């Protein structure tokens, strides 16, 4: 049966289709879907006549050029930041030339790492590749300082220049990527082929996560010939892919890239590797071993951040504690025993944001309002919680300042900066036993993936999915990206951690 027959496009039940039951209206065979007019490349909308291959490549080239310009601007900003401490005269000229060579070497390495434009790479993968390229440039700088006469005095300046540039670049890259998106040149057009409910859910996902670099266009053809020439260069296929054998070679000629999606909720998402055994194609599921070896590195990084951070935030904690005592006299800190790594109890330390008789208030609320009980059973949180202290309680929870005392838990080794949140027993009891065992395999964290993704809006099922994805894909780079993502999440005040 062909992939493009209507029966082949009706997927079975899946998480995507059940969670988003949108219905797409029919699109005539051979016609371009209405969304294509909205997501067409800016150069085509401008009415420029050019070959099909150039139409596909020009937006990508323009985006890559802007990203390169952004990295050059980053290094210029870094240079001006260091200008006040650089030597003057002929020595300063030599340093400037060394900076120029180092910056060009880093940009060439960024390009070789596929960062221009870097479509379909997750943020932590961007960070990993950029850092590795910067380290390679630093190694080249060290080598040059050793073999060149009078090169050693330049070494420290070049390393500081590259390191500071690595800090500035992600912010500039974010600005440039947003500019490209607004100009309509970010991403590559992709047809999304699948059952109508599933395709609609995927289109919504790619539109919400435009940074991934896919500009989706739902399409429901009866044959491969229905795809117009010069259209999207990527095909995303979801649903029943069992009949791909006859159509896949033709699709690979039609599209520059074909992405096959399979709903495999029972598969581990970590360690996926292609397998080719005697011509049989499949996937291998491997176990990550680097996470154990990287635990000491995580511990060193946690201490390096937590100790100075505790000194910095101590005055804010003191001010918040005084405000809590003024509204509801009593203990200003709250300690609660929760489950940690290997099942050991962790006494999580927080600023108290609720009345001292919070439990009695909650029971009275449930008796008077059964709808609030249903909300509690779904999220284990209430949007309108009568237990929370007025003004100061809401402010501390929405800004996550109430979590700052947990820096003491991190210093003590009971928690890490990044990991699944340590939940109370009543929260954990809503999760299945196998997942609870998986949570016990890692150290609980101050922040995690679900905090920066959905935060307090996530229900139990979504929290479990996000935590499981993090544990299965845990890495230092992933942790760094979650830490960076926590900062804007807190400033947007999307809920409490």
Protein backbone atom coordinates (compact mmCIF):
# COMPACT_ATOMS: atom_id res chain seq x y z
CA UNK A 1 0.00 0.00 0.00
CA UNK A 2 1.38 3.43 -0.90
CA UNK A 3 2.16 5.95 1.75
CA UNK A 4 0.03 8.50 -0.07
CA UNK A 5 -3.19 6.47 -0.10
CA UNK A 6 -5.80 7.86 2.30
CA UNK A 7 -5.86 4.69 4.39
CA UNK A 8 -2.14 4.96 5.00
CA UNK A 9 -2.53 8.44 6.35
CA UNK A 10 -4.80 7.49 9.25
CA UNK A 11 -2.62 7.02 12.32
CA UNK A 12 -3.42 4.94 15.32
CA UNK A 13 -3.89 6.48 18.73
CA UNK A 14 -0.87 8.53 19.79
CA UNK A 15 -0.01 11.10 22.39
CA UNK A 16 0.11 13.87 19.81
CA UNK A 17 -3.22 13.01 18.23
CA UNK A 18 -5.07 12.54 21.50
CA UNK A 19 -3.72 15.69 23.06
CA UNK A 20 -4.62 17.90 20.12
CA UNK A 21 -7.85 16.94 18.38
CA UNK A 22 -7.77 19.69 15.78
CA UNK A 23 -9.36 19.03 12.41
CA UNK A 24 -7.72 20.32 9.24
CA UNK A 25 -9.93 21.18 6.32
CA UNK A 26 -9.41 19.29 3.10
CA UNK A 27 -6.84 20.57 0.63
CA UNK A 28 -7.33 19.83 -3.08
CA UNK A 29 -4.78 17.55 -4.67
CA UNK A 30 -1.92 19.39 -6.27
CA UNK A 31 -2.69 22.72 -4.62
CA UNK A 32 -0.49 24.59 -2.19
CA UNK A 33 -2.01 24.72 1.29
CA UNK A 34 -3.12 28.14 2.55
CA UNK A 35 -0.40 28.23 5.20
CA UNK A 36 2.22 28.09 2.47
CA UNK A 37 1.38 31.63 1.45
CA UNK A 38 2.11 32.79 5.00
CA UNK A 39 5.36 30.89 5.45
CA UNK A 40 6.79 31.25 1.96
CA UNK A 41 10.28 32.64 1.82
CA UNK A 42 10.60 36.39 1.96
CA UNK A 43 12.45 36.42 -1.33
CA UNK A 44 9.61 34.65 -3.12
CA UNK A 45 7.05 37.01 -1.60
CA UNK A 46 9.12 39.93 -2.89
CA UNK A 47 8.46 38.74 -6.43
CA UNK A 48 12.07 37.93 -7.30
CA UNK A 49 12.56 35.51 -10.20
CA UNK A 50 15.33 33.02 -9.59
CA UNK A 51 16.10 29.32 -10.12
CA UNK A 52 14.43 26.82 -7.78
CA UNK A 53 17.74 25.76 -6.19
CA UNK A 54 18.63 29.37 -5.47
CA UNK A 55 15.17 30.03 -4.00
CA UNK A 56 15.84 27.28 -1.48
CA UNK A 57 19.42 28.29 -0.69
CA UNK A 58 19.19 32.09 -0.57
CA UNK A 59 17.26 32.36 2.73
CA UNK A 60 19.68 29.89 4.32
CA UNK A 61 22.67 31.85 3.01
CA UNK A 62 21.16 35.13 4.23
CA UNK A 63 20.51 33.66 7.69
CA UNK A 64 24.02 32.20 7.91
CA UNK A 65 25.51 35.54 6.85
CA UNK A 66 23.59 37.39 9.55
CA UNK A 67 24.66 34.83 12.16
CA UNK A 68 28.30 35.22 11.10
CA UNK A 69 27.90 39.00 11.30
CA UNK A 70 26.44 38.55 14.79
CA UNK A 71 29.48 36.54 15.92
CA UNK A 72 31.80 39.18 14.44
CA UNK A 73 29.84 41.83 16.34
CA UNK A 74 30.20 39.73 19.49
CA UNK A 75 33.97 39.68 19.16
CA UNK A 76 34.01 43.43 18.48
CA UNK A 77 31.99 43.98 21.65
CA UNK A 78 34.44 41.76 23.52
CA UNK A 79 37.36 43.75 22.12
CA UNK A 80 35.86 47.05 23.28
CA UNK A 81 35.21 45.57 26.72
CA UNK A 82 38.91 44.63 26.98
CA UNK A 83 40.16 47.81 25.33
CA UNK A 84 40.81 49.61 28.60
CA UNK A 85 43.27 46.96 29.80
CA UNK A 86 45.07 46.35 26.48
CA UNK A 87 48.54 47.76 25.88
CA UNK A 88 48.97 50.72 23.55
CA UNK A 89 51.37 51.37 20.70
CA UNK A 90 52.98 48.57 18.72
CA UNK A 91 52.20 45.98 21.40
CA UNK A 92 48.53 46.90 21.20
CA UNK A 93 48.59 46.48 17.41
CA UNK A 94 50.07 42.99 17.76
CA UNK A 95 47.37 42.06 20.29
CA UNK A 96 44.64 43.35 17.97
CA UNK A 97 46.00 41.24 15.11
CA UNK A 98 46.13 38.19 17.39
CA UNK A 99 42.51 38.81 18.39
CA UNK A 100 41.51 39.05 14.73
CA UNK A 101 43.18 35.75 13.87
CA UNK A 102 41.65 34.03 16.92
CA UNK A 103 38.17 35.34 16.08
CA UNK A 104 38.44 34.23 12.45
CA UNK A 105 39.65 30.79 13.55
CA UNK A 106 36.70 30.45 15.96
CA UNK A 107 34.18 31.49 13.29
CA UNK A 108 35.63 28.97 10.83
CA UNK A 109 35.33 26.29 13.50
CA UNK A 110 31.73 27.35 14.22
CA UNK A 111 30.95 26.94 10.54
CA UNK A 112 32.59 23.50 10.42
CA UNK A 113 30.46 22.50 13.45
CA UNK A 114 27.28 23.26 11.49
CA UNK A 115 26.26 26.31 13.55
CA UNK A 116 25.47 28.44 10.50
CA UNK A 117 22.51 28.41 10.48
CA UNK A 118 22.26 25.46 12.90
CA UNK A 119 18.73 24.38 12.04
CA UNK A 120 17.21 21.44 13.91
CA UNK A 121 19.73 21.57 16.75
CA UNK A 122 18.55 21.81 20.34
CA UNK A 123 19.86 24.69 22.44
CA UNK A 124 22.14 22.51 24.55
CA UNK A 125 23.63 21.08 21.34
CA UNK A 126 24.30 24.63 20.12
CA UNK A 127 26.06 25.33 23.42
CA UNK A 128 28.12 22.12 23.22
CA UNK A 129 29.30 22.72 19.66
CA UNK A 130 30.08 26.38 20.26
CA UNK A 131 32.07 25.62 23.40
CA UNK A 132 34.03 22.83 21.71
CA UNK A 133 34.87 25.12 18.78
CA UNK A 134 36.03 27.86 21.17
CA UNK A 135 38.21 25.35 23.05
CA UNK A 136 39.77 24.22 19.76
CA UNK A 137 40.52 27.86 18.91
CA UNK A 138 42.11 28.27 22.35
CA UNK A 139 44.25 25.18 21.78
CA UNK A 140 45.42 26.64 18.48
CA UNK A 141 46.23 29.87 20.29
CA UNK A 142 48.33 27.98 22.84
CA UNK A 143 50.14 26.13 20.08
CA UNK A 144 50.80 29.41 18.22
CA UNK A 145 52.10 31.07 21.39
CA UNK A 146 54.57 28.22 21.89
CA UNK A 147 56.02 28.10 18.38
CA UNK A 148 55.99 31.83 17.56
CA UNK A 149 58.64 34.17 18.96
CA UNK A 150 57.36 36.51 21.66
CA UNK A 151 54.00 34.73 21.52
CA UNK A 152 53.68 33.79 25.18
CA UNK A 153 52.70 37.30 26.41
CA UNK A 154 49.70 37.17 24.02
CA UNK A 155 48.42 33.84 25.29
CA UNK A 156 46.49 35.05 28.35
CA UNK A 157 44.93 37.94 26.44
CA UNK A 158 43.72 35.64 23.65
CA UNK A 159 42.24 33.12 26.09
CA UNK A 160 40.37 35.87 27.94
CA UNK A 161 39.19 37.27 24.60
CA UNK A 162 37.82 33.89 23.45
CA UNK A 163 36.26 33.10 26.84
CA UNK A 164 34.50 36.45 27.11
CA UNK A 165 33.33 36.14 23.51
CA UNK A 166 31.79 32.78 24.34
CA UNK A 167 29.71 34.51 27.04
CA UNK A 168 28.58 37.39 24.80
CA UNK A 169 27.77 35.31 21.70
CA UNK A 170 24.66 33.41 22.91
CA UNK A 171 22.87 36.70 23.64
CA UNK A 172 23.77 38.19 20.25
CA UNK A 173 22.88 34.90 18.55
CA UNK A 174 19.45 35.03 20.21
CA UNK A 175 18.93 38.58 18.88
CA UNK A 176 20.02 37.70 15.35
CA UNK A 177 17.90 34.57 15.26
CA UNK A 178 14.87 36.60 16.35
CA UNK A 179 15.62 39.18 13.64
CA UNK A 180 15.81 36.45 10.97
CA UNK A 181 12.49 35.05 12.17
CA UNK A 182 10.84 38.45 11.93
CA UNK A 183 12.27 38.94 8.44
CA UNK A 184 10.76 35.60 7.44
CA UNK A 185 14.07 33.99 6.46
CA UNK A 186 14.62 31.79 9.53
CA UNK A 187 14.01 28.08 9.04
CA UNK A 188 13.33 25.83 6.09
CA UNK A 189 9.93 25.07 4.65
CA UNK A 190 8.76 21.57 5.45
CA UNK A 191 5.67 19.62 4.48
CA UNK A 192 4.09 17.74 7.36
CA UNK A 193 2.53 14.49 6.16
CA UNK A 194 0.32 12.52 8.49
CA UNK A 195 -3.19 11.98 9.72
CA UNK A 196 -5.07 15.27 9.89
CA UNK A 197 -5.20 15.41 13.69
CA UNK A 198 -1.55 14.42 14.01
CA UNK A 199 -0.39 16.84 11.29
CA UNK A 200 -2.26 19.71 12.94
CA UNK A 201 -0.60 18.97 16.28
CA UNK A 202 2.85 18.85 14.64
CA UNK A 203 2.26 22.12 12.77
CA UNK A 204 1.25 23.80 16.03
CA UNK A 205 4.35 22.40 17.74
CA UNK A 206 6.76 23.61 15.06
CA UNK A 207 5.11 27.03 14.98
CA UNK A 208 5.43 27.36 18.75
CA UNK A 209 9.05 26.17 18.65
CA UNK A 210 10.18 28.13 15.59
CA UNK A 211 13.78 28.14 16.86
CA UNK A 212 14.05 24.53 15.68
CA UNK A 213 14.19 25.80 12.10
CA UNK A 214 11.14 24.14 10.55
CA UNK A 215 8.43 26.21 8.84
CA UNK A 216 5.61 23.65 8.64
CA UNK A 217 3.04 23.33 5.89
CA UNK A 218 0.40 20.58 6.29
CA UNK A 219 -0.14 18.59 3.13
CA UNK A 220 -2.42 15.66 2.35
CA UNK A 221 -1.63 14.50 -1.21
CA UNK A 222 -2.83 11.32 -2.86
CA UNK A 223 0.43 10.86 -4.76
CA UNK A 224 4.00 12.11 -4.74
CA UNK A 225 3.41 14.00 -8.00
CA UNK A 226 1.05 16.32 -6.10
CA UNK A 227 4.02 18.07 -4.50
CA UNK A 228 4.93 21.20 -6.47
CA UNK A 229 8.49 21.64 -7.74
CA UNK A 230 10.46 24.32 -5.97
CA UNK A 231 8.42 23.91 -2.80
CA UNK A 232 9.56 22.78 0.65
CA UNK A 233 12.91 21.03 0.86
CA UNK A 234 12.09 19.02 4.01
CA UNK A 235 9.40 16.39 4.53
CA UNK A 236 8.24 15.42 8.02
CA UNK A 237 6.30 12.14 7.97
CA UNK A 238 4.32 10.90 10.97
CA UNK A 239 1.73 8.23 11.52
CA UNK A 240 1.71 4.94 9.62
CA UNK A 241 5.18 4.66 8.09
CA UNK A 242 5.00 0.93 7.45
CA UNK A 243 4.36 1.40 3.72
CA UNK A 244 7.35 3.62 3.04
CA UNK A 245 9.38 1.11 1.04
CA UNK A 246 8.01 2.02 -2.40
CA UNK A 247 7.77 5.79 -1.88
CA UNK A 248 10.89 6.61 0.13
CA UNK A 249 13.39 6.59 -2.80
CA UNK A 250 11.21 9.01 -4.75
CA UNK A 251 10.78 11.23 -1.69
CA UNK A 252 14.52 11.37 -1.15
CA UNK A 253 14.88 12.63 -4.72
CA UNK A 254 12.10 15.15 -4.18
CA UNK A 255 13.26 16.51 -0.81
CA UNK A 256 16.69 17.40 0.50
CA UNK A 257 15.81 15.86 3.88
CA UNK A 258 13.13 13.39 5.00
CA UNK A 259 12.33 13.13 8.72
CA UNK A 260 10.42 10.06 9.89
CA UNK A 261 8.59 10.42 13.20
CA UNK A 262 7.49 7.41 15.17
CA UNK A 263 5.42 7.48 18.34
CA UNK A 264 7.39 5.16 20.60
CA UNK A 265 6.32 6.13 24.14
CA UNK A 266 7.69 2.92 25.64
CA UNK A 267 11.18 3.33 24.15
CA UNK A 268 13.95 4.96 26.15
CA UNK A 269 14.79 8.26 24.49
CA UNK A 270 18.44 8.15 25.50
CA UNK A 271 21.24 6.50 23.61
CA UNK A 272 19.48 6.08 20.25
CA UNK A 273 21.99 4.94 17.62
CA UNK A 274 21.50 3.65 14.05
CA UNK A 275 22.08 -0.05 13.53
CA UNK A 276 23.03 -1.71 10.24
CA UNK A 277 23.49 -5.46 10.53
CA UNK A 278 23.73 -7.42 7.32
CA UNK A 279 21.62 -4.87 5.47
CA UNK A 280 18.95 -4.79 8.19
CA UNK A 281 18.33 -1.21 9.36
CA UNK A 282 17.20 -0.42 12.86
CA UNK A 283 18.06 1.48 16.02
CA UNK A 284 20.19 0.61 19.01
CA UNK A 285 19.30 1.63 22.55
CA UNK A 286 22.49 2.17 24.55
CA UNK A 287 22.98 3.11 28.16
CA UNK A 288 24.75 6.35 28.94
CA UNK A 289 27.83 5.83 31.10
CA UNK A 290 29.15 9.39 31.00
CA UNK A 291 26.63 10.62 33.57
CA UNK A 292 28.36 8.69 36.38
CA UNK A 293 31.78 9.97 35.36
CA UNK A 294 30.50 13.54 35.14
CA UNK A 295 28.99 13.55 38.65
CA UNK A 296 32.24 14.83 40.28
CA UNK A 297 32.38 17.61 37.69
CA UNK A 298 28.77 18.51 38.47
CA UNK A 299 29.58 18.62 42.17
CA UNK A 300 32.53 20.96 41.61
CA UNK A 301 30.41 23.26 39.44
CA UNK A 302 27.59 23.23 42.00
CA UNK A 303 29.95 24.32 44.77
CA UNK A 304 31.66 26.90 42.56
CA UNK A 305 28.28 28.54 41.90
CA UNK A 306 26.45 27.90 45.19
CA UNK A 307 29.04 29.28 47.63
CA UNK A 308 29.42 32.76 46.07
CA UNK A 309 25.70 32.84 45.23
CA UNK A 310 24.84 32.26 48.90
CA UNK A 311 26.93 35.27 49.91
CA UNK A 312 25.23 37.45 47.27
CA UNK A 313 21.61 36.49 48.06
CA UNK A 314 21.94 36.41 51.86
CA UNK A 315 20.72 40.07 52.25
CA UNK A 316 17.66 39.38 50.09
CA UNK A 317 16.80 36.31 52.15
CA UNK A 318 17.10 38.37 55.33
CA UNK A 319 14.77 41.09 53.99
CA UNK A 320 12.21 38.50 52.85
CA UNK A 321 12.38 36.74 56.23
CA UNK A 322 11.68 40.02 58.03
CA UNK A 323 8.64 40.66 55.80
CA UNK A 324 7.27 37.16 56.48
CA UNK A 325 7.61 37.62 60.24
CA UNK A 326 5.87 41.00 60.07
CA UNK A 327 2.80 39.50 58.35
CA UNK A 328 2.58 36.20 60.24
CA UNK A 329 4.90 36.00 63.28
CA UNK A 330 6.58 32.66 63.70
CA UNK A 331 9.34 30.60 62.04
CA UNK A 332 10.35 32.20 58.74
CA UNK A 333 11.96 29.07 57.29
CA UNK A 334 10.16 25.89 56.33
CA UNK A 335 11.82 22.48 56.30
CA UNK A 336 10.15 19.53 54.67
CA UNK A 337 11.46 15.97 54.33
CA UNK A 338 11.38 14.81 50.72
CA UNK A 339 12.81 11.91 48.76
CA UNK A 340 16.33 12.32 47.42
CA UNK A 341 18.89 10.21 45.60
CA UNK A 342 18.76 6.49 46.41
CA UNK A 343 15.62 7.18 48.45
CA UNK A 344 17.48 9.09 51.17
CA UNK A 345 15.41 11.88 52.79
CA UNK A 346 16.29 15.46 51.90
CA UNK A 347 15.21 18.22 54.29
CA UNK A 348 14.41 20.89 51.73
CA UNK A 349 14.81 24.41 53.11
CA UNK A 350 12.48 27.19 51.93
CA UNK A 351 11.27 30.58 53.05
CA UNK A 352 7.80 30.17 54.51
CA UNK A 353 5.19 31.59 52.11
CA UNK A 354 2.07 30.19 53.80
CA UNK A 355 0.20 30.73 57.05
CA UNK A 356 1.23 28.48 59.88
CA UNK A 357 -2.22 26.84 59.86
CA UNK A 358 -2.00 26.16 56.10
CA UNK A 359 -3.16 22.53 56.34
CA UNK A 360 -6.33 23.44 58.21
CA UNK A 361 -7.10 26.15 55.65
CA UNK A 362 -6.64 23.65 52.80
CA UNK A 363 -8.98 21.08 54.38
CA UNK A 364 -11.64 23.73 54.94
CA UNK A 365 -11.33 24.84 51.32
CA UNK A 366 -11.80 21.29 50.00
CA UNK A 367 -14.93 20.85 52.10
CA UNK A 368 -16.45 24.03 50.70
CA UNK A 369 -15.25 23.75 47.09
CA UNK A 370 -14.93 20.27 45.46
CA UNK A 371 -13.65 21.88 42.19
CA UNK A 372 -10.57 23.09 44.05
CA UNK A 373 -9.96 19.52 45.23
CA UNK A 374 -10.02 18.34 41.59
CA UNK A 375 -7.50 21.05 40.65
CA UNK A 376 -5.28 19.96 43.54
CA UNK A 377 -5.38 16.29 42.50
CA UNK A 378 -4.36 17.24 38.95
CA UNK A 379 -1.51 19.66 39.70
CA UNK A 380 -0.96 19.45 43.49
CA UNK A 381 -1.08 23.26 43.37
CA UNK A 382 -3.84 25.85 43.38
CA UNK A 383 -3.86 29.01 41.27
CA UNK A 384 -5.87 30.78 43.97
CA UNK A 385 -4.40 29.33 47.14
CA UNK A 386 -5.86 30.75 50.39
CA UNK A 387 -2.92 29.37 52.36
CA UNK A 388 -0.41 31.79 50.75
CA UNK A 389 0.57 34.90 52.71
CA UNK A 390 -0.78 38.11 51.16
CA UNK A 391 1.60 40.10 48.92
CA UNK A 392 4.92 38.74 50.20
CA UNK A 393 3.91 35.08 49.78
CA UNK A 394 2.80 35.51 46.17
CA UNK A 395 5.83 37.64 45.35
CA UNK A 396 8.30 35.12 46.78
CA UNK A 397 6.65 32.17 45.05
CA UNK A 398 6.26 33.80 41.61
CA UNK A 399 9.87 35.03 41.66
CA UNK A 400 11.17 31.74 43.17
CA UNK A 401 13.01 33.69 45.87
CA UNK A 402 11.50 31.30 48.43
CA UNK A 403 13.70 28.57 46.91
CA UNK A 404 16.99 30.43 47.51
CA UNK A 405 17.65 28.87 50.95
CA UNK A 406 18.06 25.56 49.11
CA UNK A 407 21.55 26.78 48.20
CA UNK A 408 22.39 25.36 51.63
CA UNK A 409 21.06 21.97 50.50
CA UNK A 410 23.27 22.19 47.41
CA UNK A 411 26.37 23.01 49.45
CA UNK A 412 25.55 20.09 51.76
CA UNK A 413 25.39 17.75 48.75
CA UNK A 414 21.74 16.83 49.26
CA UNK A 415 20.68 18.64 46.08
CA UNK A 416 22.17 19.84 42.80
CA UNK A 417 21.42 22.94 40.76
CA UNK A 418 19.77 20.89 37.98
CA UNK A 419 17.70 17.75 38.44
CA UNK A 420 14.16 16.55 39.10
CA UNK A 421 12.55 18.59 41.86
CA UNK A 422 12.31 16.79 45.24
CA UNK A 423 8.56 16.28 45.62
CA UNK A 424 6.56 15.57 48.79
CA UNK A 425 5.30 12.03 49.32
CA UNK A 426 1.71 12.91 48.34
CA UNK A 427 3.03 14.22 45.02
CA UNK A 428 5.20 11.17 44.35
CA UNK A 429 2.36 8.79 45.18
CA UNK A 430 0.57 9.94 42.01
CA UNK A 431 3.49 8.66 39.89
CA UNK A 432 4.14 5.05 38.94
CA UNK A 433 6.70 3.00 40.82
CA UNK A 434 9.06 2.50 37.87
CA UNK A 435 9.37 6.25 37.35
CA UNK A 436 9.96 6.81 41.06
CA UNK A 437 12.86 4.36 40.88
CA UNK A 438 14.28 6.33 37.96
CA UNK A 439 14.01 9.59 39.92
CA UNK A 440 15.97 8.02 42.78
CA UNK A 441 18.89 7.38 40.40
CA UNK A 442 19.82 11.09 40.20
CA UNK A 443 20.28 13.92 42.67
CA UNK A 444 17.23 16.20 42.97
CA UNK A 445 17.69 19.75 41.74
CA UNK A 446 16.87 23.36 42.47
CA UNK A 447 15.59 23.71 38.91
CA UNK A 448 14.75 21.27 36.14
CA UNK A 449 13.41 20.81 32.65
CA UNK A 450 9.74 21.06 33.55
CA UNK A 451 10.34 24.26 35.51
CA UNK A 452 11.61 26.07 32.40
CA UNK A 453 9.14 24.36 30.05
CA UNK A 454 5.75 24.48 31.76
CA UNK A 455 6.61 25.33 35.38
CA UNK A 456 3.55 25.21 37.65
CA UNK A 457 1.16 24.87 34.69
CA UNK A 458 2.27 21.29 34.07
CA UNK A 459 0.06 18.46 35.26
CA UNK A 460 1.38 15.23 36.77
CA UNK A 461 1.66 13.37 33.45
CA UNK A 462 3.59 16.16 31.75
CA UNK A 463 5.88 16.61 34.74
CA UNK A 464 6.70 12.91 34.59
CA UNK A 465 7.36 13.01 30.84
CA UNK A 466 9.68 16.00 31.12
CA UNK A 467 11.57 14.62 34.11
CA UNK A 468 11.96 11.26 32.40
CA UNK A 469 13.27 12.94 29.25
CA UNK A 470 15.82 14.86 31.32
CA UNK A 471 17.03 11.78 33.20
CA UNK A 472 17.37 9.76 29.99
CA UNK A 473 19.27 12.56 28.21
CA UNK A 474 21.18 13.97 31.18
CA UNK A 475 24.47 15.68 30.33
CA UNK A 476 26.55 18.62 31.47
CA UNK A 477 25.53 20.54 28.35
CA UNK A 478 21.87 19.87 29.01
CA UNK A 479 22.34 21.07 32.60
CA UNK A 480 24.01 24.27 31.41
CA UNK A 481 21.16 24.97 29.02
CA UNK A 482 18.55 24.41 31.74
CA UNK A 483 20.45 26.78 34.05
CA UNK A 484 20.51 29.44 31.33
CA UNK A 485 16.82 28.86 30.62
CA UNK A 486 15.92 29.23 34.30
CA UNK A 487 16.93 32.90 34.36
CA UNK A 488 14.33 34.14 31.81
CA UNK A 489 11.74 31.72 33.24
CA UNK A 490 12.09 33.33 36.67
CA UNK A 491 11.99 36.89 35.31
CA UNK A 492 8.84 36.07 33.32
CA UNK A 493 7.35 34.91 36.64
CA UNK A 494 5.50 32.00 35.04
CA UNK A 495 4.99 30.21 38.33
CA UNK A 496 6.88 28.78 41.20
CA UNK A 497 9.57 26.16 40.97
